[in-house]
N, C-alpha and C. Protein backbone atom coordinates (compact mmCIF):
# COMPACT_ATOMS: atom_id res chain seq x y z
N MET A 1 0.85 -1.18 0.00
CA MET A 1 0.00 0.00 0.00
C MET A 1 0.89 1.24 0.00
N LYS A 2 0.44 2.26 -0.69
CA LYS A 2 1.20 3.50 -0.73
C LYS A 2 0.78 4.44 0.40
N TYR A 3 1.80 5.11 0.96
CA TYR A 3 1.60 6.08 2.02
C TYR A 3 2.36 7.35 1.69
N MET A 4 1.85 8.46 2.19
CA MET A 4 2.57 9.71 2.12
C MET A 4 2.99 10.08 3.52
N MET A 5 4.27 10.39 3.68
CA MET A 5 4.79 10.90 4.95
C MET A 5 5.13 12.36 4.73
N MET A 6 4.63 13.23 5.62
CA MET A 6 4.88 14.66 5.49
C MET A 6 5.63 15.16 6.72
N MET A 7 6.70 15.89 6.46
CA MET A 7 7.57 16.40 7.51
C MET A 7 7.26 17.87 7.71
N TYR A 8 6.75 18.20 8.88
CA TYR A 8 6.45 19.58 9.22
C TYR A 8 7.52 20.11 10.15
N SER A 9 7.79 21.40 10.02
CA SER A 9 8.82 22.02 10.83
C SER A 9 8.26 23.29 11.45
N PRO A 10 8.55 23.51 12.72
CA PRO A 10 8.10 24.77 13.32
C PRO A 10 8.84 25.95 12.69
N ARG A 11 8.18 27.09 12.68
CA ARG A 11 8.78 28.30 12.11
C ARG A 11 10.15 28.56 12.73
N SER A 12 10.28 28.38 14.03
CA SER A 12 11.56 28.63 14.70
C SER A 12 12.67 27.74 14.16
N ALA A 13 12.35 26.50 13.79
CA ALA A 13 13.36 25.60 13.25
C ALA A 13 13.84 26.08 11.88
N TRP A 14 12.92 26.61 11.05
CA TRP A 14 13.31 27.16 9.75
C TRP A 14 14.29 28.30 9.95
N GLU A 15 13.98 29.15 10.92
CA GLU A 15 14.83 30.32 11.16
C GLU A 15 16.17 29.91 11.76
N GLU A 16 16.17 28.91 12.63
CA GLU A 16 17.39 28.47 13.31
C GLU A 16 18.33 27.68 12.39
N PHE A 17 17.78 26.98 11.40
CA PHE A 17 18.57 26.11 10.54
C PHE A 17 19.77 26.84 9.94
N GLY A 18 19.60 28.08 9.58
CA GLY A 18 20.68 28.86 8.99
C GLY A 18 21.83 29.15 9.94
N THR A 19 21.63 28.91 11.21
CA THR A 19 22.69 29.17 12.19
C THR A 19 23.48 27.90 12.53
N TRP A 20 23.08 26.76 11.98
CA TRP A 20 23.76 25.49 12.29
C TRP A 20 25.14 25.46 11.67
N SER A 21 26.00 24.64 12.26
CA SER A 21 27.31 24.41 11.69
C SER A 21 27.18 23.57 10.43
N LYS A 22 28.19 23.63 9.57
CA LYS A 22 28.20 22.81 8.36
C LYS A 22 28.14 21.33 8.72
N GLU A 23 28.78 20.93 9.81
CA GLU A 23 28.79 19.53 10.23
C GLU A 23 27.38 19.08 10.63
N ASP A 24 26.65 19.93 11.34
CA ASP A 24 25.28 19.58 11.74
C ASP A 24 24.37 19.45 10.53
N ILE A 25 24.51 20.38 9.58
CA ILE A 25 23.69 20.32 8.37
C ILE A 25 24.03 19.07 7.58
N ARG A 26 25.32 18.77 7.46
CA ARG A 26 25.76 17.58 6.72
C ARG A 26 25.22 16.31 7.39
N ALA A 27 25.26 16.24 8.72
CA ALA A 27 24.75 15.06 9.43
C ALA A 27 23.27 14.86 9.16
N GLN A 28 22.50 15.94 9.14
CA GLN A 28 21.07 15.82 8.87
C GLN A 28 20.82 15.35 7.44
N MET A 29 21.52 15.93 6.49
CA MET A 29 21.34 15.54 5.09
C MET A 29 21.79 14.10 4.87
N GLU A 30 22.88 13.68 5.46
CA GLU A 30 23.34 12.30 5.32
C GLU A 30 22.34 11.31 5.90
N HIS A 31 21.75 11.66 7.02
CA HIS A 31 20.72 10.80 7.63
C HIS A 31 19.58 10.56 6.63
N MET A 32 19.10 11.64 6.02
CA MET A 32 17.99 11.54 5.08
C MET A 32 18.40 10.77 3.82
N MET A 33 19.58 11.06 3.29
CA MET A 33 20.03 10.38 2.07
C MET A 33 20.27 8.89 2.32
N ASP A 34 20.84 8.55 3.49
CA ASP A 34 21.05 7.14 3.83
C ASP A 34 19.72 6.41 3.92
N LEU A 35 18.75 7.02 4.58
CA LEU A 35 17.43 6.41 4.69
C LEU A 35 16.81 6.22 3.31
N ASN A 36 16.89 7.22 2.46
CA ASN A 36 16.31 7.10 1.12
C ASN A 36 16.97 5.98 0.33
N ARG A 37 18.30 5.84 0.46
CA ARG A 37 19.00 4.74 -0.24
C ARG A 37 18.53 3.38 0.27
N GLU A 38 18.36 3.25 1.58
CA GLU A 38 17.86 1.99 2.16
C GLU A 38 16.46 1.67 1.63
N LEU A 39 15.60 2.68 1.58
CA LEU A 39 14.24 2.48 1.09
C LEU A 39 14.23 2.11 -0.38
N GLN A 40 15.13 2.71 -1.17
CA GLN A 40 15.24 2.35 -2.58
C GLN A 40 15.68 0.90 -2.73
N ALA A 41 16.68 0.49 -1.95
CA ALA A 41 17.19 -0.88 -2.02
C ALA A 41 16.11 -1.89 -1.62
N ALA A 42 15.22 -1.50 -0.70
CA ALA A 42 14.16 -2.38 -0.24
C ALA A 42 12.95 -2.37 -1.18
N GLY A 43 12.96 -1.50 -2.19
CA GLY A 43 11.83 -1.41 -3.11
C GLY A 43 10.63 -0.68 -2.52
N GLU A 44 10.84 0.10 -1.45
CA GLU A 44 9.74 0.80 -0.78
C GLU A 44 9.66 2.27 -1.16
N PHE A 45 10.70 2.78 -1.77
CA PHE A 45 10.80 4.20 -2.09
C PHE A 45 10.09 4.49 -3.41
N VAL A 46 9.23 5.50 -3.42
CA VAL A 46 8.60 5.95 -4.65
C VAL A 46 9.19 7.31 -5.02
N VAL A 47 9.09 8.29 -4.11
CA VAL A 47 9.65 9.62 -4.34
C VAL A 47 9.76 10.34 -3.00
N ALA A 48 10.70 11.25 -2.90
CA ALA A 48 10.83 12.13 -1.74
C ALA A 48 11.36 13.46 -2.23
N GLU A 49 10.87 14.53 -1.67
CA GLU A 49 11.32 15.86 -2.06
C GLU A 49 11.33 16.77 -0.85
N GLY A 50 12.38 17.56 -0.74
CA GLY A 50 12.41 18.66 0.22
C GLY A 50 11.80 19.87 -0.46
N LEU A 51 11.20 20.74 0.31
CA LEU A 51 10.54 21.91 -0.25
C LEU A 51 11.31 23.18 0.09
N ALA A 52 11.19 24.19 -0.76
CA ALA A 52 11.79 25.49 -0.50
C ALA A 52 11.16 26.06 0.78
N GLY A 53 11.82 27.06 1.33
CA GLY A 53 11.33 27.68 2.56
C GLY A 53 9.97 28.32 2.41
N PRO A 54 9.28 28.52 3.52
CA PRO A 54 7.92 29.06 3.48
C PRO A 54 7.85 30.46 2.88
N GLU A 55 8.97 31.18 2.89
CA GLU A 55 8.96 32.53 2.29
C GLU A 55 8.76 32.48 0.78
N GLN A 56 8.96 31.31 0.17
CA GLN A 56 8.76 31.17 -1.27
C GLN A 56 7.40 30.56 -1.62
N ALA A 57 6.63 30.21 -0.61
CA ALA A 57 5.32 29.60 -0.84
C ALA A 57 4.31 30.66 -1.28
N ARG A 58 3.33 30.23 -2.02
CA ARG A 58 2.23 31.09 -2.45
C ARG A 58 0.91 30.36 -2.22
N ILE A 59 -0.11 31.13 -1.91
CA ILE A 59 -1.46 30.61 -1.74
C ILE A 59 -2.25 31.02 -2.99
N VAL A 60 -2.91 30.07 -3.62
CA VAL A 60 -3.68 30.35 -4.84
C VAL A 60 -5.14 29.98 -4.60
N ARG A 61 -6.02 30.91 -4.94
CA ARG A 61 -7.45 30.66 -4.88
C ARG A 61 -8.06 31.12 -6.20
N ALA A 62 -9.13 30.48 -6.58
CA ALA A 62 -9.84 30.92 -7.78
C ALA A 62 -10.75 32.09 -7.44
N ARG A 63 -10.66 33.12 -8.25
CA ARG A 63 -11.61 34.23 -8.13
C ARG A 63 -12.95 33.75 -8.69
N LYS A 64 -13.97 34.56 -8.54
CA LYS A 64 -15.31 34.19 -9.05
C LYS A 64 -15.28 33.92 -10.54
N ASP A 65 -14.40 34.59 -11.28
CA ASP A 65 -14.32 34.38 -12.72
C ASP A 65 -13.39 33.22 -13.09
N GLY A 66 -12.84 32.55 -12.08
CA GLY A 66 -11.99 31.38 -12.32
C GLY A 66 -10.51 31.70 -12.50
N THR A 67 -10.14 32.98 -12.56
CA THR A 67 -8.72 33.32 -12.69
C THR A 67 -8.02 33.17 -11.34
N PRO A 68 -6.71 32.92 -11.35
CA PRO A 68 -6.01 32.72 -10.09
C PRO A 68 -5.77 34.02 -9.32
N GLU A 69 -5.99 33.96 -8.04
CA GLU A 69 -5.60 35.03 -7.13
C GLU A 69 -4.43 34.47 -6.33
N VAL A 70 -3.26 35.08 -6.45
CA VAL A 70 -2.04 34.58 -5.83
C VAL A 70 -1.61 35.54 -4.73
N THR A 71 -1.41 34.99 -3.52
CA THR A 71 -0.93 35.79 -2.40
C THR A 71 0.32 35.13 -1.83
N ASP A 72 1.04 35.88 -1.02
CA ASP A 72 2.25 35.32 -0.40
C ASP A 72 1.89 34.10 0.42
N GLY A 73 2.92 33.29 0.66
CA GLY A 73 2.83 31.99 1.28
C GLY A 73 2.01 31.85 2.53
N PRO A 74 2.31 30.84 3.30
CA PRO A 74 1.49 30.51 4.47
C PRO A 74 1.24 31.73 5.35
N TYR A 75 0.12 31.72 5.98
CA TYR A 75 -0.24 32.83 6.83
C TYR A 75 0.81 33.05 7.90
N PRO A 76 1.11 34.32 8.23
CA PRO A 76 2.16 34.61 9.20
C PRO A 76 1.93 33.94 10.55
N GLU A 77 0.67 33.71 10.90
CA GLU A 77 0.39 33.09 12.20
C GLU A 77 0.59 31.57 12.18
N ALA A 78 0.87 31.01 11.00
CA ALA A 78 1.10 29.56 10.93
C ALA A 78 2.30 29.20 11.78
N LYS A 79 2.15 28.15 12.57
CA LYS A 79 3.23 27.74 13.47
C LYS A 79 4.16 26.73 12.82
N GLU A 80 3.66 25.99 11.84
CA GLU A 80 4.46 24.95 11.20
C GLU A 80 4.30 25.02 9.69
N PHE A 81 5.33 24.51 9.00
CA PHE A 81 5.32 24.51 7.55
C PHE A 81 5.72 23.14 7.05
N LEU A 82 5.18 22.75 5.91
CA LEU A 82 5.56 21.50 5.28
C LEU A 82 6.96 21.67 4.71
N GLY A 83 7.89 20.84 5.19
CA GLY A 83 9.28 20.95 4.76
C GLY A 83 9.67 19.94 3.70
N GLY A 84 8.95 18.83 3.63
CA GLY A 84 9.26 17.81 2.65
C GLY A 84 8.28 16.65 2.78
N TYR A 85 8.38 15.72 1.83
CA TYR A 85 7.46 14.59 1.84
C TYR A 85 8.11 13.37 1.19
N TRP A 86 7.57 12.21 1.50
CA TRP A 86 7.94 10.94 0.89
C TRP A 86 6.67 10.26 0.43
N ILE A 87 6.75 9.57 -0.68
CA ILE A 87 5.72 8.62 -1.08
C ILE A 87 6.40 7.26 -0.99
N LEU A 88 5.83 6.36 -0.21
CA LEU A 88 6.41 5.04 0.00
C LEU A 88 5.39 3.98 -0.35
N ASP A 89 5.87 2.83 -0.77
CA ASP A 89 5.01 1.68 -1.07
C ASP A 89 5.48 0.55 -0.18
N VAL A 90 4.78 0.33 0.92
CA VAL A 90 5.18 -0.65 1.93
C VAL A 90 4.07 -1.66 2.16
N GLU A 91 4.42 -2.76 2.80
CA GLU A 91 3.46 -3.85 3.03
C GLU A 91 2.43 -3.55 4.12
N THR A 92 2.87 -2.85 5.18
CA THR A 92 1.97 -2.65 6.33
C THR A 92 2.08 -1.22 6.86
N ALA A 93 1.06 -0.81 7.58
CA ALA A 93 1.10 0.48 8.26
C ALA A 93 2.23 0.51 9.29
N GLU A 94 2.46 -0.60 9.95
CA GLU A 94 3.51 -0.65 10.96
C GLU A 94 4.87 -0.32 10.35
N ARG A 95 5.10 -0.78 9.11
CA ARG A 95 6.37 -0.50 8.44
C ARG A 95 6.53 1.00 8.17
N VAL A 96 5.49 1.66 7.68
CA VAL A 96 5.61 3.09 7.41
C VAL A 96 5.79 3.85 8.73
N TYR A 97 5.21 3.36 9.82
CA TYR A 97 5.41 4.01 11.12
C TYR A 97 6.86 3.89 11.57
N GLU A 98 7.48 2.74 11.32
CA GLU A 98 8.90 2.56 11.65
C GLU A 98 9.76 3.57 10.88
N ILE A 99 9.44 3.73 9.60
CA ILE A 99 10.20 4.65 8.76
C ILE A 99 9.97 6.09 9.23
N ALA A 100 8.74 6.45 9.53
CA ALA A 100 8.43 7.79 10.01
C ALA A 100 9.19 8.11 11.30
N ALA A 101 9.33 7.12 12.17
CA ALA A 101 10.07 7.34 13.42
C ALA A 101 11.54 7.62 13.12
N ARG A 102 12.10 6.97 12.11
CA ARG A 102 13.49 7.23 11.74
C ARG A 102 13.65 8.64 11.18
N VAL A 103 12.68 9.08 10.39
CA VAL A 103 12.73 10.46 9.88
C VAL A 103 12.60 11.43 11.05
N SER A 104 11.69 11.16 11.97
CA SER A 104 11.46 12.02 13.12
C SER A 104 12.74 12.22 13.94
N ALA A 105 13.55 11.19 14.02
CA ALA A 105 14.76 11.22 14.85
C ALA A 105 15.97 11.78 14.11
N VAL A 106 15.77 12.46 12.99
CA VAL A 106 16.87 13.05 12.24
C VAL A 106 17.71 13.91 13.19
N PRO A 107 19.05 13.85 13.04
CA PRO A 107 19.87 14.67 13.94
C PRO A 107 19.69 16.16 13.66
N GLY A 108 19.62 16.91 14.74
CA GLY A 108 19.52 18.36 14.64
C GLY A 108 20.82 19.00 15.09
N LYS A 109 20.72 20.20 15.59
CA LYS A 109 21.89 20.95 16.04
C LYS A 109 22.61 20.18 17.15
N GLY A 110 23.90 20.02 16.98
CA GLY A 110 24.69 19.28 17.96
C GLY A 110 24.44 17.79 17.93
N GLY A 111 23.76 17.30 16.89
CA GLY A 111 23.50 15.87 16.77
C GLY A 111 22.33 15.37 17.58
N VAL A 112 21.64 16.26 18.27
CA VAL A 112 20.49 15.87 19.10
C VAL A 112 19.30 15.56 18.19
N PRO A 113 18.65 14.39 18.37
CA PRO A 113 17.49 14.06 17.52
C PRO A 113 16.41 15.14 17.61
N VAL A 114 15.86 15.49 16.48
CA VAL A 114 14.84 16.53 16.40
C VAL A 114 13.51 16.02 16.96
N ASN A 115 13.16 14.76 16.65
CA ASN A 115 11.89 14.16 17.10
C ASN A 115 10.68 14.98 16.68
N MET A 116 10.68 15.41 15.40
CA MET A 116 9.56 16.18 14.87
C MET A 116 8.40 15.26 14.54
N ALA A 117 7.22 15.83 14.49
CA ALA A 117 6.03 15.07 14.12
C ALA A 117 6.06 14.80 12.61
N ILE A 118 5.77 13.57 12.23
CA ILE A 118 5.67 13.18 10.83
C ILE A 118 4.24 12.71 10.59
N GLU A 119 3.54 13.39 9.71
CA GLU A 119 2.17 12.98 9.38
C GLU A 119 2.22 11.85 8.36
N VAL A 120 1.48 10.78 8.62
CA VAL A 120 1.44 9.62 7.72
C VAL A 120 -0.01 9.42 7.29
N ARG A 121 -0.21 9.34 5.96
CA ARG A 121 -1.57 9.13 5.45
C ARG A 121 -1.53 8.14 4.31
N PRO A 122 -2.48 7.19 4.30
CA PRO A 122 -2.58 6.29 3.16
C PRO A 122 -2.97 7.06 1.91
N ILE A 123 -2.51 6.60 0.78
CA ILE A 123 -2.88 7.18 -0.50
C ILE A 123 -4.03 6.34 -1.06
N LEU A 124 -5.12 6.99 -1.39
CA LEU A 124 -6.26 6.28 -1.94
C LEU A 124 -5.89 5.77 -3.33
N SER A 125 -6.15 4.51 -3.56
CA SER A 125 -5.72 3.94 -4.84
C SER A 125 -6.84 3.23 -5.59
N GLY A 126 -8.04 3.32 -5.08
CA GLY A 126 -9.16 2.67 -5.76
C GLY A 126 -9.79 3.59 -6.78
N LYS A 127 -10.88 3.13 -7.33
CA LYS A 127 -11.65 3.94 -8.27
C LYS A 127 -12.49 4.95 -7.47
N PRO A 128 -12.78 6.12 -8.05
CA PRO A 128 -13.55 7.11 -7.31
C PRO A 128 -14.84 6.55 -6.71
N GLU A 129 -15.51 5.68 -7.43
CA GLU A 129 -16.77 5.13 -6.90
C GLU A 129 -16.57 4.27 -5.67
N ASP A 130 -15.33 3.79 -5.44
CA ASP A 130 -15.05 3.00 -4.25
C ASP A 130 -15.16 3.86 -2.97
N TYR A 131 -15.08 5.17 -3.12
CA TYR A 131 -15.08 6.07 -1.96
C TYR A 131 -16.35 6.85 -1.79
N ILE A 132 -17.31 6.62 -2.68
CA ILE A 132 -18.58 7.33 -2.60
C ILE A 132 -19.58 6.45 -1.84
N PRO A 133 -20.13 6.96 -0.74
CA PRO A 133 -21.07 6.15 0.06
C PRO A 133 -22.38 5.89 -0.68
C-alpha cells in the first residue's frame, strides 16, 4: 500500500537552521540520504522531495471568474510549515510508522534528535466510486 509521509517544521526551526554548523547540516542531510538509499534498495521508495522555505510559498485561490488570485505563502500566524514529503510503497502500516520514526529522529543541532512530528496518510488507490457512500 502507498503512504505519504509529510515532515512539518516549526517556524523557529526554519529560522534556526541557517545558524547550524556545516557539520550539523551535513549530518542531517546524510541521515535523510542514507534512509532514502535503504528504502530504494528495499523497493519501498517511490519519491521524496524537500521543499523550499515558506517565504517562497504562495497561496492560490480561484476568483469568481476562475482566474487565479495569488498571495504570499502561508499565513504569518502559521506555526508549522511543510518541509518535505515521501511517497512510500510498503506492506503494512507498521512499516511506514517505523520509517516515520526514523525520519522524526533526524539529527539536529549538535547531533540531538529533532523528534519532529511526521504525518502519515494512506494514498487512496481505488476507483472514485469505491469512496462514494
